[in-house]
C-alpha atoms as a PDB file:
ATOM      1  CA  MET A   1     132.624 114.222  57.373  1.00  0.00           C
ATOM      2  CA  ASN A   2     131.040 112.318  55.956  1.00  0.00           C
ATOM      3  CA  ALA A   3     127.284 112.126  54.754  1.00  0.00           C
ATOM      4  CA  VAL A   4     125.977 109.759  57.291  1.00  0.00           C
ATOM      5  CA  SER A   5     127.588 111.792  60.243  1.00  0.00           C
ATOM      6  CA  LEU A   6     125.325 114.671  59.339  1.00  0.00           C
ATOM      7  CA  GLN A   7     121.455 113.295  58.984  1.00  0.00           C
ATOM      8  CA  LYS A   8     119.407 114.953  61.073  1.00  0.00           C
ATOM      9  CA  VAL A   9     118.460 111.971  63.965  1.00  0.00           C
ATOM     10  CA  GLY A  10     114.605 112.340  64.800  1.00  0.00           C
ATOM     11  CA  SER A  11     113.001 113.864  67.298  1.00  0.00           C
ATOM     12  CA  LYS A  12     110.480 111.862  69.510  1.00  0.00           C
ATOM     13  CA  THR A  13     109.739 115.454  71.311  1.00  0.00           C
ATOM     14  CA  ARG A  14     106.267 117.231  71.885  1.00  0.00           C
ATOM     15  CA  LYS A  15     105.798 120.739  72.948  1.00  0.00           C
ATOM     16  CA  ILE A  16     102.927 122.068  75.057  1.00  0.00           C
ATOM     17  CA  THR A  17     102.214 125.355  76.145  1.00  0.00           C
ATOM     18  CA  PHE A  18     100.306 126.465  79.503  1.00  0.00           C
ATOM     19  CA  GLY A  19      99.863 129.526  81.367  1.00  0.00           C
ATOM     20  CA  GLY A  20      98.657 129.613  85.709  1.00  0.00           C
ATOM     21  CA  GLY A  21      99.391 132.755  86.859  1.00  0.00           C
ATOM     22  CA  CYS A  22     102.549 134.496  86.573  1.00  0.00           C
ATOM     23  CA  PHE A  23     105.733 132.595  84.746  1.00  0.00           C
ATOM     24  CA  TRP A  24     107.703 132.414  86.815  1.00  0.00           C
ATOM     25  CA  CYS A  25     105.867 129.915  89.178  1.00  0.00           C
ATOM     26  CA  THR A  26     105.243 127.791  86.728  1.00  0.00           C
ATOM     27  CA  GLU A  27     108.522 127.714  85.112  1.00  0.00           C
ATOM     28  CA  ALA A  28     110.417 126.795  88.473  1.00  0.00           C
ATOM     29  CA  ILE A  29     107.346 123.734  88.811  1.00  0.00           C
ATOM     30  CA  PHE A  30     108.095 122.440  85.936  1.00  0.00           C
ATOM     31  CA  GLY A  31     111.527 122.683  84.923  1.00  0.00           C
ATOM     32  CA  GLN A  32     112.007 120.482  87.894  1.00  0.00           C
ATOM     33  CA  LEU A  33     110.480 117.144  86.536  1.00  0.00           C
ATOM     34  CA  LYS A  34     111.057 113.981  84.625  1.00  0.00           C
ATOM     35  CA  GLY A  35     111.468 114.020  80.880  1.00  0.00           C
ATOM     36  CA  VAL A  36     110.867 117.761  80.639  1.00  0.00           C
ATOM     37  CA  GLU A  37     113.597 118.802  78.539  1.00  0.00           C
ATOM     38  CA  LYS A  38     113.257 122.565  78.035  1.00  0.00           C
ATOM     39  CA  VAL A  39     110.921 124.988  80.506  1.00  0.00           C
ATOM     40  CA  GLU A  40     111.122 128.929  78.629  1.00  0.00           C
ATOM     41  CA  SER A  41     109.220 131.537  79.632  1.00  0.00           C
ATOM     42  CA  GLY A  42     106.808 134.131  77.581  1.00  0.00           C
ATOM     43  CA  TYR A  43     103.540 134.821  76.374  1.00  0.00           C
ATOM     44  CA  SER A  44     101.339 133.778  74.045  1.00  0.00           C
ATOM     45  CA  GLY A  45      97.009 134.719  73.162  1.00  0.00           C
ATOM     46  CA  GLY A  46      96.928 137.609  72.421  1.00  0.00           C
ATOM     47  CA  ASN A  47      96.767 139.774  69.480  1.00  0.00           C
ATOM     48  CA  ILE A  48     100.221 141.512  68.335  1.00  0.00           C
ATOM     49  CA  SER A  49     103.699 140.059  67.543  1.00  0.00           C
ATOM     50  CA  ASN A  50     106.684 140.034  69.782  1.00  0.00           C
ATOM     51  CA  PRO A  51     104.543 141.848  72.834  1.00  0.00           C
ATOM     52  CA  THR A  52     107.238 143.021  75.364  1.00  0.00           C
ATOM     53  CA  TYR A  53     106.460 142.111  79.001  1.00  0.00           C
ATOM     54  CA  ARG A  54     105.671 145.762  79.705  1.00  0.00           C
ATOM     55  CA  GLU A  55     103.347 145.407  77.275  1.00  0.00           C
ATOM     56  CA  VAL A  56     101.740 142.158  78.345  1.00  0.00           C
ATOM     57  CA  CYS A  57     101.835 143.379  82.111  1.00  0.00           C
ATOM     58  CA  SER A  58      99.725 146.002  80.751  1.00  0.00           C
ATOM     59  CA  GLY A  59      96.745 143.947  79.780  1.00  0.00           C
ATOM     60  CA  MET A  60      95.937 145.477  76.500  1.00  0.00           C
ATOM     61  CA  THR A  61      97.729 142.651  74.079  1.00  0.00           C
ATOM     62  CA  GLY A  62      95.967 140.048  74.859  1.00  0.00           C
ATOM     63  CA  HIS A  63      98.688 137.607  75.605  1.00  0.00           C
ATOM     64  CA  ALA A  64      98.867 135.764  78.902  1.00  0.00           C
ATOM     65  CA  GLU A  65     102.027 134.838  80.826  1.00  0.00           C
ATOM     66  CA  VAL A  66     102.712 131.025  79.725  1.00  0.00           C
ATOM     67  CA  ILE A  67     105.545 128.732  79.414  1.00  0.00           C
ATOM     68  CA  GLU A  68     106.662 126.297  76.839  1.00  0.00           C
ATOM     69  CA  ILE A  69     107.669 123.028  77.758  1.00  0.00           C
ATOM     70  CA  THR A  70     109.117 120.470  75.790  1.00  0.00           C
ATOM     71  CA  TYR A  71     109.385 117.572  77.200  1.00  0.00           C
ATOM     72  CA  ASP A  72     109.924 113.665  76.028  1.00  0.00           C
ATOM     73  CA  PRO A  73     106.428 111.473  75.757  1.00  0.00           C
ATOM     74  CA  ASP A  74     108.007 108.735  76.650  1.00  0.00           C
ATOM     75  CA  GLU A  75     109.596 109.404  79.585  1.00  0.00           C
ATOM     76  CA  ILE A  76     105.971 111.863  81.090  1.00  0.00           C
ATOM     77  CA  SER A  77     102.375 112.364  79.328  1.00  0.00           C
ATOM     78  CA  PHE A  78     100.556 115.208  77.760  1.00  0.00           C
ATOM     79  CA  GLU A  79      98.193 114.062  80.061  1.00  0.00           C
ATOM     80  CA  ASP A  80      99.884 114.404  83.102  1.00  0.00           C
ATOM     81  CA  LEU A  81     101.955 117.556  82.129  1.00  0.00           C
ATOM     82  CA  ILE A  82      97.988 119.088  82.279  1.00  0.00           C
ATOM     83  CA  LEU A  83      96.527 117.124  86.020  1.00  0.00           C
ATOM     84  CA  ILE A  84     100.265 118.746  87.172  1.00  0.00           C
ATOM     85  CA  HIS A  85      99.340 122.451  85.766  1.00  0.00           C
ATOM     86  CA  LEU A  86      95.633 122.136  87.037  1.00  0.00           C
ATOM     87  CA  SER A  87      97.294 121.159  90.659  1.00  0.00           C
ATOM     88  CA  THR A  88     100.025 123.734  91.123  1.00  0.00           C
ATOM     89  CA  HIS A  89      97.650 126.604  90.342  1.00  0.00           C
ATOM     90  CA  ASN A  90      93.943 127.930  91.453  1.00  0.00           C
ATOM     91  CA  PRO A  91      92.350 126.943  87.789  1.00  0.00           C
ATOM     92  CA  THR A  92      89.036 128.474  89.416  1.00  0.00           C
ATOM     93  CA  THR A  93      89.687 132.293  89.191  1.00  0.00           C
ATOM     94  CA  SER A  94      89.816 134.378  86.107  1.00  0.00           C
ATOM     95  CA  ASN A  95      92.434 136.508  85.175  1.00  0.00           C
ATOM     96  CA  ARG A  96      94.055 136.520  88.492  1.00  0.00           C
ATOM     97  CA  GLN A  97      96.450 134.350  90.728  1.00  0.00           C
ATOM     98  CA  GLY A  98      96.872 135.463  94.524  1.00  0.00           C
ATOM     99  CA  ALA A  99      97.460 139.045  93.823  1.00  0.00           C
ATOM    100  CA  ASP A 100      98.711 138.813  90.703  1.00  0.00           C
ATOM    101  CA  VAL A 101      95.507 140.045  88.274  1.00  0.00           C
ATOM    102  CA  GLY A 102      95.192 141.062  84.452  1.00  0.00           C
ATOM    103  CA  THR A 103      94.068 138.768  81.803  1.00  0.00           C
ATOM    104  CA  GLN A 104      97.988 137.399  81.916  1.00  0.00           C
ATOM    105  CA  TYR A 105      97.690 135.422  84.301  1.00  0.00           C
ATOM    106  CA  ARG A 106      94.510 133.570  83.383  1.00  0.00           C
ATOM    107  CA  SER A 107      94.971 130.073  83.350  1.00  0.00           C
ATOM    108  CA  ILE A 108      94.923 128.850  79.711  1.00  0.00           C
ATOM    109  CA  ILE A 109      96.013 125.669  77.356  1.00  0.00           C
ATOM    110  CA  PHE A 110      96.940 125.368  74.455  1.00  0.00           C
ATOM    111  CA  TYR A 111      96.793 122.606  71.689  1.00  0.00           C
ATOM    112  CA  ARG A 112      97.956 122.419  68.585  1.00  0.00           C
ATOM    113  CA  ASN A 113      95.803 119.021  67.503  1.00  0.00           C
ATOM    114  CA  ALA A 114      92.458 118.381  67.199  1.00  0.00           C
ATOM    115  CA  ASP A 115      93.703 114.861  69.567  1.00  0.00           C
ATOM    116  CA  GLU A 116      95.333 117.475  71.811  1.00  0.00           C
ATOM    117  CA  LYS A 117      92.015 119.854  72.407  1.00  0.00           C
ATOM    118  CA  GLN A 118      90.306 116.692  73.069  1.00  0.00           C
ATOM    119  CA  ARG A 119      92.856 114.540  75.803  1.00  0.00           C
ATOM    120  CA  ALA A 120      92.576 118.492  77.614  1.00  0.00           C
ATOM    121  CA  ILE A 121      88.771 118.343  77.499  1.00  0.00           C
ATOM    122  CA  ASP A 122      88.732 114.484  79.093  1.00  0.00           C
ATOM    123  CA  VAL A 123      91.771 116.041  82.081  1.00  0.00           C
ATOM    124  CA  LEU A 124      89.698 118.920  82.439  1.00  0.00           C
ATOM    125  CA  LYS A 125      86.872 116.920  83.242  1.00  0.00           C
ATOM    126  CA  GLU A 126      88.381 114.085  85.084  1.00  0.00           C
ATOM    127  CA  MET A 127      89.904 116.639  87.546  1.00  0.00           C
ATOM    128  CA  GLN A 128      86.606 118.872  87.730  1.00  0.00           C
ATOM    129  CA  PRO A 129      85.324 116.904  90.703  1.00  0.00           C
ATOM    130  CA  SER A 130      88.176 117.612  93.066  1.00  0.00           C
ATOM    131  CA  PHE A 131      87.930 121.540  92.295  1.00  0.00           C
ATOM    132  CA  GLY A 132      84.761 123.180  94.431  1.00  0.00           C
ATOM    133  CA  GLU A 133      84.308 126.232  92.037  1.00  0.00           C
ATOM    134  CA  ASN A 134      84.201 125.275  88.040  1.00  0.00           C
ATOM    135  CA  ILE A 135      87.161 125.069  86.790  1.00  0.00           C
ATOM    136  CA  VAL A 136      87.935 128.210  84.315  1.00  0.00           C
ATOM    137  CA  THR A 137      90.877 127.512  82.736  1.00  0.00           C
ATOM    138  CA  GLN A 138      91.295 128.369  78.783  1.00  0.00           C
ATOM    139  CA  ILE A 139      91.268 125.476  76.257  1.00  0.00           C
ATOM    140  CA  ALA A 140      92.532 127.498  72.744  1.00  0.00           C
ATOM    141  CA  LEU A 141      94.599 126.852  69.435  1.00  0.00           C
ATOM    142  CA  PHE A 142      98.064 127.272  69.728  1.00  0.00           C
ATOM    143  CA  GLU A 143      99.398 129.693  67.311  1.00  0.00           C
ATOM    144  CA  GLN A 144     102.689 131.744  68.284  1.00  0.00           C
ATOM    145  CA  PHE A 145     104.941 131.169  71.279  1.00  0.00           C
ATOM    146  CA  TYR A 146     106.650 134.146  72.016  1.00  0.00           C
ATOM    147  CA  LYS A 147     109.919 134.216  73.945  1.00  0.00           C
ATOM    148  CA  ALA A 148     110.413 136.388  77.216  1.00  0.00           C
ATOM    149  CA  ASP A 149     113.589 138.992  77.769  1.00  0.00           C
ATOM    150  CA  SER A 150     116.544 136.157  79.778  1.00  0.00           C
ATOM    151  CA  ASP A 151     115.949 138.185  82.645  1.00  0.00           C
ATOM    152  CA  HIS A 152     112.429 136.287  83.183  1.00  0.00           C
ATOM    153  CA  GLN A 153     114.134 132.420  82.148  1.00  0.00           C
ATOM    154  CA  ASP A 154     115.342 130.820  84.602  1.00  0.00           C
ATOM    155  CA  TYR A 155     113.743 133.399  87.041  1.00  0.00           C
ATOM    156  CA  TYR A 156     113.235 130.914  90.271  1.00  0.00           C
ATOM    157  CA  ALA A 157     116.992 129.042  89.912  1.00  0.00           C
ATOM    158  CA  ASN A 158     118.896 132.893  89.322  1.00  0.00           C
ATOM    159  CA  ASN A 159     116.736 134.544  91.740  1.00  0.00           C
ATOM    160  CA  PRO A 160     116.169 132.226  94.964  1.00  0.00           C
ATOM    161  CA  GLU A 161     116.419 134.970  97.482  1.00  0.00           C
ATOM    162  CA  ALA A 162     114.457 137.895  95.549  1.00  0.00           C
ATOM    163  CA  GLN A 163     111.127 137.881  97.927  1.00  0.00           C
ATOM    164  CA  TYR A 164     108.450 137.081  95.519  1.00  0.00           C
ATOM    165  CA  CYS A 165     110.870 133.682  95.120  1.00  0.00           C
ATOM    166  CA  GLU A 166     110.860 133.361  98.595  1.00  0.00           C
ATOM    167  CA  VAL A 167     106.857 133.782  99.529  1.00  0.00           C
ATOM    168  CA  VAL A 168     104.886 133.063  96.019  1.00  0.00           C
ATOM    169  CA  ILE A 169     107.478 130.460  94.752  1.00  0.00           C
ATOM    170  CA  HIS A 170     108.945 128.347  97.418  1.00  0.00           C
ATOM    171  CA  PRO A 171     105.830 127.043  98.808  1.00  0.00           C
ATOM    172  CA  LYS A 172     104.117 126.020  95.977  1.00  0.00           C
ATOM    173  CA  LEU A 173     107.285 124.753  94.822  1.00  0.00           C
ATOM    174  CA  GLN A 174     107.362 122.456  98.097  1.00  0.00           C
ATOM    175  CA  LYS A 175     103.555 121.608  97.650  1.00  0.00           C
ATOM    176  CA  PHE A 176     104.434 120.154  94.401  1.00  0.00           C
ATOM    177  CA  ARG A 177     107.024 118.506  95.879  1.00  0.00           C
ATOM    178  CA  ILE A 178     104.884 116.476  98.041  1.00  0.00           C
ATOM    179  CA  LEU A 179     102.734 115.829  95.391  1.00  0.00           C
ATOM    180  CA  TYR A 180     104.872 115.075  92.762  1.00  0.00           C
ATOM    181  CA  LYS A 181     108.067 114.169  94.418  1.00  0.00           C
ATOM    182  CA  GLU A 182     108.561 110.509  92.234  1.00  0.00           C
ATOM    183  CA  LYS A 183     107.834 112.636  89.174  1.00  0.00           C
ATOM    184  CA  ILE A 184     111.203 114.913  90.017  1.00  0.00           C
ATOM    185  CA  LYS A 185     114.562 114.771  88.033  1.00  0.00           C
ATOM    186  CA  SER A 186     116.856 113.356  90.495  1.00  0.00           C
ATOM    187  CA  GLU A 187     120.183 115.614  91.137  1.00  0.00           C
ATOM    188  CA  LYS A 188     122.398 113.712  88.528  1.00  0.00           C
ATOM    189  CA  GLN A 189     119.010 114.775  85.663  1.00  0.00           C
ATOM    190  CA  SER A 190     119.023 118.550  86.595  1.00  0.00           C
END
């Protein structure tokens, strides 16, 4: 092995972190998009380090259930990810998505720099007329992502027959596939 082969190749990928209810739903959606390289379920926006699922579900940690997406901005834009985020959950309900209630289910976008913050604000303003009520999605500075336990990763793919997957996730995926069919990975890309 020589020194040339040891040089690290620069990566053009970026990360975006947001929550829109249960991370099982959002992970299932975003993992299907062209340009998305990885989606991980976890927690962000709270006041303790390394929270457990049980602690987050208590509502006492301040964390939201989130996904962290690693994506290629040459294939899918930051703005498109936010547009898809806003159109695949209800961004007009505070601290709830369907039957899931609590601050851990809030709609939130975490930005990593001032440019991302402004771009997120602009997308929310652009999308507002599409909704009958005010968008309550929070926009907050990203501080830390805590990855959830392995049994929460790829939940839909690993448990498609589970009742939650059939009743909640599957209908969301059907709607998503209709709205964004041109942005979905082909079978070869999956």
